[in-house]
Amino acid sequence: MTQSRPVPPAIPASARLALLAISVLVLLMMNMDTMWATSVDLAHHYALVVRLSDLWTLPHALDPSLGEMNVYPRLAHQTAAILGRLAGSPLLGLQIVTVLSLLLFWAAVAWIVQTLPRAAAIATALMLAALMMLNLSTLQMQVHGDEVAGNFFFSQLAAQGFVMAVIAACMTLDAAGHPSWLRNVLLAGAVWLATSIHLMPALELLCVMGVLVTLDLLQLWRQRRTGFPVAGVLAGALLLAALVLLATHPAFRAMSSISINNGAMFTNHLGSVKAVLNYSVLITALSGAIVWRWLVLERRENNRALLALKYVGSYGLAVSGLCLLQALAWKFGFGSEYAIKKYVAALNSVVLLELALLPVLFVRALRLPAAAGGNGVAAIVHAWLLPSALTAFAFHVAIAPAVKIIDISELASLEQQLILRRDLLIPAHPGRFTYVAGVQRLPPHLAYMMSIALFQTPRSANAASILTNRALIDWTMVGSIVTSEGSYMDKQDCRRAPPAQGIAVMDGRCLERRMGVQRTRIEFGGPQPGACTLQGFGDREQYSTWTIAMEASMSCPVPLIAGKAPSHIEIDAAAFLNKVASQRAIVSVNGAAPMTFVFDAAEPKKITVPLTGTVGEQVEIRLTLPDARSPQELGLSGDQRKLGLALRALEFK
């Protein structure tokens, strides 16, 4: 049978690739100023980028400001550090790699789709776009892009983009008729590089290589080729080499130990491990069916323009199979539920792509090569517009559910101001560190980020207080505070120098004398962070903080009064009595018998609760509010918070 090859489009592959690259760069520039992460992971990845930008390599001693990032795979961070040096900002370097990684993933998908015959490519692209829009408007299943929306799985997304680009490159080599050993050499090296970025996508690429090698050998066996044994040995050796490169990589052991940590991760419609595993089984079946159908079509039609089916199906088998293997490892004490759920974005992305390919499997007219030529509208859409348009569309749909949290240009400007003050104004104090707090328009997770990254502040209790917007716990560790001019931290007699550009630097020892004494009275209103850890409470307001649930609790530091533990607590609070006759507050301190208090007047009321038994460094106060009601259920407004008490202050006596 004479082998049929796809009719080349109007422009060569190199020109199409250049056009796609230009489109990616344009999209990168258009989306550089927006970051969507609210997770503490952003701070930790940024800290590693800053440290590499400053030192290039990390010292042998563990850096207390980096934590687990001391042993994290860092190729993506090194790339960000280099780009940050060129751009004059580590933050910009991190953002470039983040956005580029997401664009690279969807550009590789678009390239794979574009290699199909013209009718099939256009139909698949339209189908994929429709499925992504349907998902966005109804199911809202997380796809690639969710890694940096709210969360910040920077390395995972960077490796995922790299892996998909490698798969697209391998498919292009295959379509051009290059020998399979060349592709396998590329895959083995790419597995090692991917492991230097993040382990999970590297494992996916290794499994893709395993599926491709199996398919190669199956085809050779079916064709009764004489070189089957030699090809099998060579392919097996390269696959084994890739496995050894991955298993002996320093990142393998580091990421294996990190995967045991069980973090919180929300996945739409796949909240349980059982649901994720059932989903993986379905995707395994779908991917296997696509690969099987490709084998049938390849034997019947011998059309290299259908290689997208082979590579997408192989990727689907790799992702879903690995998720199932991760669950099996978890059953034997390796990994965590969190590690299993981290496959969800890849599972959702591949299932959308595979569903978009289904018409190609069964509609023969879509698989026919286009007529010779290529200057018509369809040819222009296929060769010129499809890859760029699909990349742009998929990118924007993927990040559509995300909310802009950070203005990069504004934050990069602050970054430069902080670096300047670090280098010129802040002296070194052994055992004392610099904290960023009270900076205008800087959320707590970004204040924490700047503290540990730019000032190498250890990830200790004080850093945790910055992250949770609470009062600093240990003032003996505070060397300097960087804050906004006029903030609650800005004390004129403690300034190291006159403020500049709205930023003031405070002397830590001076602030310790002013603010570091143990307070017997804790305020729940105003701009200064509270000293208590709260659950079941709303945001801090000007004069108080509301309970917003029928159960609330707070854990507060206990001061010494004249060298002795306090004997009781006085709570100053007001009740929500709009269309509510009274509010009962059932209060329990440190697990003691609960006491019931009734608030039936609009004015604030002080209640006294005894401290009995052994009084430790923290006191746990639990509130049960059976009469709490939301303004919405009372017909007052759309506010759904169940309001009970507005806590104004707490005083130890």
Foldseek 3Di string as FASTA:
>chain_A
DDFDEFFDAPDDPVVLVVLQVVLLVVVLVVPLFFFAEPDLVVLLLLQLLLVCLVVVADDPDDQLLNVLVNQAQCPLSSQLSVVCVVVVFSLSSLSSLQSSLLLLLQLLLLLLLLLFFLLLSVLLLVLLLVLLVVCLVPQVFAALVVCRRHHPPSLVSSLNSLLSNLLSVLLVCVSVPHDVLVSLLSLLVSLLVSLSRPNPSSQLSLQLLVLVLVVVLVVCVVVVPPCSVVSNVSSVVSSVSSVCSNVPDSNNVSVQVVLQDDDDDDGGPQRDLVSLLVLLVVLLVLLVVLLVLVVVCCVVNVYSSPCSSNSLSSSSNSLSVVLNVQVVVVVVPTGYSNSSCVSRNVSVHSVSSSVSSVVVSPPVVSRDHDDHDHPDPSSCCSSPNRSSVSSVSVSCSNCVVGDGLGRSVVVSVVLVVVLVCVVPQADDDVQAWEFEPAAPPQQLSRSLSCRCRNTVDRPDQQSVCSNVQEDGDDLVRHQKYKHFVPGPQDDPVQFSDDDDPRITMGGSVVVCVVPVADAQKWFQADDRHTQKDKDQWDDHYHQFIWRQDQKMKIKHFFDADVNHGFFKKKWKKFWDCDVNQKKWKWKDKPNDHTDIDIHRDRHIDIDMDTDDDDDDRMMMMMIGIPRFAFCVVVVNDPGHGRTTMTTGMMGTD
